[in-house]
Protein backbone atom coordinates (compact mmCIF):
# COMPACT_ATOMS: atom_id res chain seq x y z
CA GLU A 1 0.00 0.00 0.00
CA THR A 2 2.84 2.35 0.82
CA LYS A 3 4.57 1.59 -2.49
CA MET A 4 1.38 2.33 -4.43
CA HIS A 5 1.17 5.69 -2.66
CA CYS A 6 4.74 6.44 -3.78
CA VAL A 7 3.88 5.45 -7.36
CA LYS A 8 0.94 7.83 -7.29
CA LEU A 9 3.21 10.63 -6.06
CA LEU A 10 5.22 10.27 -9.28
CA GLY A 11 2.07 11.01 -11.26
CA GLN A 12 -1.12 9.18 -12.05
CA LYS A 13 -1.15 9.67 -15.82
CA LEU A 14 1.23 8.28 -18.37
CA MET A 15 2.71 10.75 -20.82
CA ALA A 16 3.41 8.22 -23.58
CA ARG A 17 0.68 7.22 -26.01
CA ASP A 18 2.30 4.13 -27.50
CA PHE A 19 1.89 0.95 -25.41
CA ASP A 20 5.57 -0.01 -25.54
CA ARG A 21 6.56 3.46 -24.40
CA GLN A 22 4.00 3.32 -21.59
CA VAL A 23 5.59 0.09 -20.41
CA ALA A 24 9.02 1.72 -20.53
CA GLU A 25 7.71 4.73 -18.60
CA LEU A 26 6.35 2.50 -15.84
CA GLN A 27 9.63 0.58 -15.69
CA VAL A 28 11.52 3.85 -15.21
CA ARG A 29 9.17 4.85 -12.39
CA ILE A 30 9.66 1.49 -10.70
CA ALA A 31 13.45 1.78 -11.08
CA VAL A 32 13.35 5.20 -9.40
CA LEU A 33 11.29 3.84 -6.52
CA ASN A 34 13.62 0.85 -6.13
CA SER A 35 16.66 3.13 -5.98
CA TYR A 36 15.01 5.26 -3.28
CA THR A 37 14.11 2.11 -1.37
CA ALA A 38 17.68 0.84 -1.63
CA LEU A 39 18.96 4.10 -0.14
CA GLY A 40 16.75 3.64 2.91
CA ILE A 41 17.70 0.03 3.70
CA PRO A 42 20.33 -0.18 6.44
CA VAL A 43 23.45 -2.22 5.81
CA THR A 44 24.17 -4.55 8.73
CA GLU A 45 27.47 -6.31 9.28
CA ALA A 46 28.42 -8.97 11.79
CA MET A 47 30.80 -7.82 14.50
CA GLY A 48 33.44 -9.99 16.04
């Protein structure tokens, strides 16, 4: 649910008219969200 909210923040309408370009546009949006998610994940390392 939280991810869908983030997708909606990027815009609800697609700019492209061609189906293949719409797919590419959605893939770019998902890549942006995944990169933001990766920045927020803590890196844990074993000590000792």
